[in-house]
Amino acid sequence: GLTMGLVSIDPMEMEIIVKTEDKDMVEASAKQKLKKDQAAAERILPLIHDHHLLLVTLLLMNSIANEALPLFLDQIVPSWLAVVLSVSLVLMFGEIIPSAVFTGSEQLTMAARFSGLVGAFMFVLTPVSW
């Protein structure tokens, strides 16, 4: 979900949002939304500047999480239940719900909230993903 949400953001659109002036907005609510979107776009722009590094980092983290869950569950429940639980949990909480949240109407806001974490992972995984 986060991968689709971040990779689908157009850098040119983010730059347009950042450079838009609030004097172009008539209503106060539109000005407030613009300021919120500008803050989010400024946080996201450094991440989406290098799409390759972003995509590889997110795919590596996704793979690590998907592989670690059954290994962890296998220690506390029988193996067959670990498989059933991990497939169900990854499908629901790793694919369906995040896809709906990170590509919905609050895509920009949600991506900005996770920009710090994603930036840290990009930094840590740069030797592997570059």
Foldseek 3Di string as FASTA:
>chain_A
DLLCLLLVDDLVVLVCLLPDDLVVPDDPVVSVVSVLLNVLSVLNNVLNVDSQLLNLLVVVVLVVVLVVQLVVVVVPDPNVVSVVVSVVCCCPVVPDVCVPVCNDPCVSVVNSVCSVVSVVSSVVCVVPRD
